[in-house]
Amino acid sequence: MNGSRRVDLNDVALLTDQSESALLSLLPYVTNTGTLGAPAVKSVQLGYGSWYWYLAPEGLVIPEIIPEPASLAVMLLGALALRRRRV
């Protein structure tokens, strides 16, 4: 990323398959124009033993561990939230 391209979280978490260090290097290019605070790098365990790092506003609370059946629901809800914001 360069200085002219920025990501606006707009109070939505961005789950990725990138490492903590990779996301920390992207943090200067991420903003949040929503009301939940500055962007931060956080982690969540989806299912049994699968940890993921993600970008989210500081005030956005996602449980640290999400059991296997609910992890698919979390990903679907995230996709729906992004779709609604684009329309």
N, C-alpha and C. Protein backbone atom coordinates (compact mmCIF):
# COMPACT_ATOMS: atom_id res chain seq x y z
N MET A 1 0.84 -1.18 0.00
CA MET A 1 0.00 0.00 0.00
C MET A 1 0.88 1.23 0.00
N ASN A 2 0.39 2.26 -0.62
CA ASN A 2 1.11 3.52 -0.55
C ASN A 2 0.25 4.56 0.13
N GLY A 3 0.77 5.74 0.32
CA GLY A 3 0.07 6.77 1.07
C GLY A 3 -1.23 7.25 0.45
N SER A 4 -1.43 7.03 -0.85
CA SER A 4 -2.65 7.52 -1.49
C SER A 4 -3.81 6.54 -1.36
N ARG A 5 -3.55 5.31 -0.98
CA ARG A 5 -4.62 4.31 -0.83
C ARG A 5 -4.79 3.98 0.64
N ARG A 6 -6.01 4.16 1.13
CA ARG A 6 -6.29 3.91 2.54
C ARG A 6 -7.53 3.03 2.65
N VAL A 7 -7.61 2.30 3.74
CA VAL A 7 -8.77 1.46 4.03
C VAL A 7 -9.53 2.12 5.17
N ASP A 8 -10.84 2.30 5.00
CA ASP A 8 -11.69 2.85 6.06
C ASP A 8 -12.53 1.71 6.63
N LEU A 9 -12.32 1.37 7.90
CA LEU A 9 -13.07 0.28 8.52
C LEU A 9 -14.54 0.62 8.71
N ASN A 10 -14.86 1.89 8.95
CA ASN A 10 -16.24 2.34 9.14
C ASN A 10 -16.97 1.46 10.16
N ASP A 11 -16.30 1.20 11.28
CA ASP A 11 -16.84 0.41 12.40
C ASP A 11 -17.09 -1.07 12.08
N VAL A 12 -16.39 -1.61 11.08
CA VAL A 12 -16.52 -3.03 10.72
C VAL A 12 -15.16 -3.70 10.88
N ALA A 13 -15.14 -4.90 11.44
CA ALA A 13 -13.90 -5.66 11.57
C ALA A 13 -13.51 -6.25 10.21
N LEU A 14 -12.21 -6.32 9.95
CA LEU A 14 -11.69 -6.89 8.72
C LEU A 14 -10.85 -8.11 9.07
N LEU A 15 -11.47 -9.29 8.94
CA LEU A 15 -10.80 -10.55 9.24
C LEU A 15 -9.92 -10.94 8.06
N THR A 16 -8.67 -11.33 8.34
CA THR A 16 -7.73 -11.66 7.27
C THR A 16 -7.00 -12.96 7.59
N ASP A 17 -6.19 -13.39 6.65
CA ASP A 17 -5.31 -14.54 6.90
C ASP A 17 -3.86 -14.07 7.07
N GLN A 18 -3.67 -12.79 7.34
CA GLN A 18 -2.32 -12.24 7.50
C GLN A 18 -1.85 -12.34 8.94
N SER A 19 -0.55 -12.27 9.10
CA SER A 19 0.05 -12.35 10.44
C SER A 19 -0.11 -11.03 11.19
N GLU A 20 0.14 -11.09 12.49
CA GLU A 20 0.07 -9.88 13.30
C GLU A 20 1.05 -8.83 12.77
N SER A 21 2.27 -9.23 12.47
CA SER A 21 3.27 -8.25 12.00
C SER A 21 2.88 -7.64 10.66
N ALA A 22 2.27 -8.43 9.77
CA ALA A 22 1.82 -7.89 8.48
C ALA A 22 0.72 -6.85 8.69
N LEU A 23 -0.21 -7.13 9.59
CA LEU A 23 -1.29 -6.18 9.85
C LEU A 23 -0.77 -4.93 10.55
N LEU A 24 0.19 -5.10 11.45
CA LEU A 24 0.78 -3.93 12.11
C LEU A 24 1.45 -3.01 11.09
N SER A 25 2.06 -3.58 10.06
CA SER A 25 2.69 -2.75 9.04
C SER A 25 1.66 -2.03 8.17
N LEU A 26 0.44 -2.55 8.08
CA LEU A 26 -0.63 -1.90 7.32
C LEU A 26 -1.37 -0.84 8.13
N LEU A 27 -1.26 -0.90 9.43
CA LEU A 27 -2.04 -0.02 10.31
C LEU A 27 -1.94 1.47 9.97
N PRO A 28 -0.78 1.99 9.55
CA PRO A 28 -0.72 3.41 9.19
C PRO A 28 -1.62 3.78 8.01
N TYR A 29 -2.05 2.80 7.22
CA TYR A 29 -2.88 3.06 6.05
C TYR A 29 -4.36 2.76 6.29
N VAL A 30 -4.72 2.51 7.55
CA VAL A 30 -6.10 2.16 7.90
C VAL A 30 -6.69 3.26 8.77
N THR A 31 -7.92 3.66 8.45
CA THR A 31 -8.63 4.65 9.25
C THR A 31 -9.97 4.05 9.68
N ASN A 32 -10.64 4.75 10.57
CA ASN A 32 -12.00 4.38 10.96
C ASN A 32 -12.79 5.66 11.12
N THR A 33 -13.70 5.93 10.19
CA THR A 33 -14.52 7.13 10.27
C THR A 33 -15.77 6.90 11.11
N GLY A 34 -15.93 5.69 11.63
CA GLY A 34 -17.07 5.39 12.50
C GLY A 34 -16.83 5.95 13.89
N THR A 35 -17.63 5.49 14.83
CA THR A 35 -17.60 6.04 16.20
C THR A 35 -16.90 5.15 17.22
N LEU A 36 -16.34 4.02 16.80
CA LEU A 36 -15.80 3.05 17.76
C LEU A 36 -14.30 3.19 18.03
N GLY A 37 -13.68 4.24 17.56
CA GLY A 37 -12.28 4.49 17.88
C GLY A 37 -11.31 4.16 16.77
N ALA A 38 -10.05 4.32 17.10
CA ALA A 38 -8.96 4.13 16.13
C ALA A 38 -8.81 2.65 15.76
N PRO A 39 -8.28 2.37 14.58
CA PRO A 39 -8.03 0.99 14.17
C PRO A 39 -7.00 0.31 15.06
N ALA A 40 -7.18 -0.98 15.28
CA ALA A 40 -6.25 -1.77 16.09
C ALA A 40 -6.14 -3.17 15.50
N VAL A 41 -5.05 -3.85 15.83
CA VAL A 41 -4.86 -5.24 15.42
C VAL A 41 -5.29 -6.12 16.59
N LYS A 42 -6.22 -7.06 16.33
CA LYS A 42 -6.76 -7.94 17.36
C LYS A 42 -6.70 -9.38 16.87
N SER A 43 -6.99 -10.32 17.77
CA SER A 43 -6.99 -11.74 17.37
C SER A 43 -8.27 -12.42 17.86
N VAL A 44 -8.64 -13.49 17.16
CA VAL A 44 -9.81 -14.28 17.51
C VAL A 44 -9.52 -15.74 17.17
N GLN A 45 -10.05 -16.64 18.00
CA GLN A 45 -9.92 -18.07 17.72
C GLN A 45 -11.25 -18.55 17.15
N LEU A 46 -11.21 -19.02 15.89
CA LEU A 46 -12.41 -19.56 15.25
C LEU A 46 -12.30 -21.07 15.26
N GLY A 47 -13.26 -21.70 15.89
CA GLY A 47 -13.21 -23.15 15.99
C GLY A 47 -12.16 -23.59 16.99
N TYR A 48 -11.60 -24.76 16.77
CA TYR A 48 -10.63 -25.32 17.70
C TYR A 48 -9.21 -25.09 17.20
N GLY A 49 -8.51 -24.18 17.83
CA GLY A 49 -7.09 -23.96 17.54
C GLY A 49 -6.76 -23.13 16.32
N SER A 50 -7.71 -22.52 15.66
CA SER A 50 -7.43 -21.68 14.49
C SER A 50 -7.50 -20.21 14.88
N TRP A 51 -6.34 -19.60 15.07
CA TRP A 51 -6.27 -18.19 15.45
C TRP A 51 -6.11 -17.32 14.22
N TYR A 52 -6.82 -16.21 14.20
CA TYR A 52 -6.74 -15.25 13.10
C TYR A 52 -6.51 -13.86 13.67
N TRP A 53 -5.72 -13.08 12.97
CA TRP A 53 -5.51 -11.68 13.31
C TRP A 53 -6.42 -10.85 12.43
N TYR A 54 -6.94 -9.77 12.97
CA TYR A 54 -7.83 -8.92 12.19
C TYR A 54 -7.67 -7.47 12.59
N LEU A 55 -8.15 -6.59 11.72
CA LEU A 55 -8.18 -5.15 11.99
C LEU A 55 -9.59 -4.79 12.42
N ALA A 56 -9.69 -3.97 13.46
CA ALA A 56 -11.00 -3.53 13.93
C ALA A 56 -10.83 -2.25 14.74
N PRO A 57 -11.89 -1.46 14.84
CA PRO A 57 -11.84 -0.30 15.72
C PRO A 57 -11.63 -0.75 17.16
N GLU A 58 -10.94 0.07 17.95
CA GLU A 58 -10.64 -0.29 19.34
C GLU A 58 -11.89 -0.65 20.13
N GLY A 59 -13.00 0.03 19.88
CA GLY A 59 -14.21 -0.19 20.65
C GLY A 59 -15.08 -1.34 20.18
N LEU A 60 -14.72 -1.99 19.08
CA LEU A 60 -15.49 -3.12 18.57
C LEU A 60 -15.12 -4.37 19.36
N VAL A 61 -16.11 -5.01 19.96
CA VAL A 61 -15.84 -6.17 20.80
C VAL A 61 -16.33 -7.44 20.10
N ILE A 62 -15.40 -8.35 19.86
CA ILE A 62 -15.70 -9.68 19.33
C ILE A 62 -15.17 -10.66 20.36
N PRO A 63 -15.95 -11.66 20.76
CA PRO A 63 -15.43 -12.63 21.73
C PRO A 63 -14.11 -13.22 21.25
N GLU A 64 -13.18 -13.44 22.17
CA GLU A 64 -11.85 -13.92 21.79
C GLU A 64 -11.88 -15.33 21.20
N ILE A 65 -12.82 -16.16 21.67
CA ILE A 65 -12.94 -17.52 21.15
C ILE A 65 -14.37 -17.73 20.66
N ILE A 66 -14.51 -18.15 19.41
CA ILE A 66 -15.83 -18.42 18.84
C ILE A 66 -15.88 -19.90 18.49
N PRO A 67 -16.80 -20.68 19.12
CA PRO A 67 -16.88 -22.12 18.87
C PRO A 67 -17.15 -22.43 17.40
N GLU A 68 -16.80 -23.63 16.98
CA GLU A 68 -16.89 -24.05 15.57
C GLU A 68 -18.24 -23.76 14.91
N PRO A 69 -19.39 -24.16 15.47
CA PRO A 69 -20.65 -23.90 14.76
C PRO A 69 -20.92 -22.42 14.54
N ALA A 70 -20.48 -21.59 15.47
CA ALA A 70 -20.76 -20.15 15.36
C ALA A 70 -19.76 -19.44 14.45
N SER A 71 -18.61 -20.03 14.19
CA SER A 71 -17.60 -19.33 13.40
C SER A 71 -18.08 -19.08 11.97
N LEU A 72 -18.82 -20.00 11.39
CA LEU A 72 -19.37 -19.79 10.05
C LEU A 72 -20.39 -18.65 10.08
N ALA A 73 -21.21 -18.60 11.12
CA ALA A 73 -22.20 -17.53 11.24
C ALA A 73 -21.52 -16.17 11.34
N VAL A 74 -20.42 -16.09 12.07
CA VAL A 74 -19.69 -14.82 12.20
C VAL A 74 -19.19 -14.36 10.84
N MET A 75 -18.63 -15.27 10.06
CA MET A 75 -18.13 -14.90 8.74
C MET A 75 -19.27 -14.47 7.81
N LEU A 76 -20.41 -15.15 7.88
CA LEU A 76 -21.55 -14.77 7.05
C LEU A 76 -22.10 -13.41 7.44
N LEU A 77 -22.20 -13.14 8.74
CA LEU A 77 -22.68 -11.84 9.19
C LEU A 77 -21.74 -10.72 8.74
N GLY A 78 -20.45 -10.98 8.79
CA GLY A 78 -19.48 -9.99 8.32
C GLY A 78 -19.65 -9.70 6.84
N ALA A 79 -19.87 -10.73 6.05
CA ALA A 79 -20.07 -10.55 4.61
C ALA A 79 -21.34 -9.77 4.33
N LEU A 80 -22.41 -10.05 5.08
CA LEU A 80 -23.66 -9.31 4.91
C LEU A 80 -23.50 -7.85 5.29
N ALA A 81 -22.77 -7.58 6.37
CA ALA A 81 -22.55 -6.20 6.80
C ALA A 81 -21.80 -5.42 5.74
N LEU A 82 -20.78 -6.02 5.15
CA LEU A 82 -20.03 -5.34 4.10
C LEU A 82 -20.90 -5.10 2.87
N ARG A 83 -21.72 -6.07 2.53
CA ARG A 83 -22.59 -5.92 1.36
C ARG A 83 -23.58 -4.77 1.57
N ARG A 84 -24.15 -4.67 2.77
CA ARG A 84 -25.11 -3.59 3.05
C ARG A 84 -24.44 -2.23 2.97
N ARG A 85 -23.19 -2.12 3.41
CA ARG A 85 -22.49 -0.84 3.37
C ARG A 85 -22.14 -0.42 1.95
N ARG A 86 -22.00 -1.37 1.04
CA ARG A 86 -21.65 -1.05 -0.35
C ARG A 86 -22.87 -0.62 -1.14
N VAL A 87 -24.07 -1.01 -0.72
CA VAL A 87 -25.29 -0.71 -1.48
C VAL A 87 -25.74 0.70 -1.21
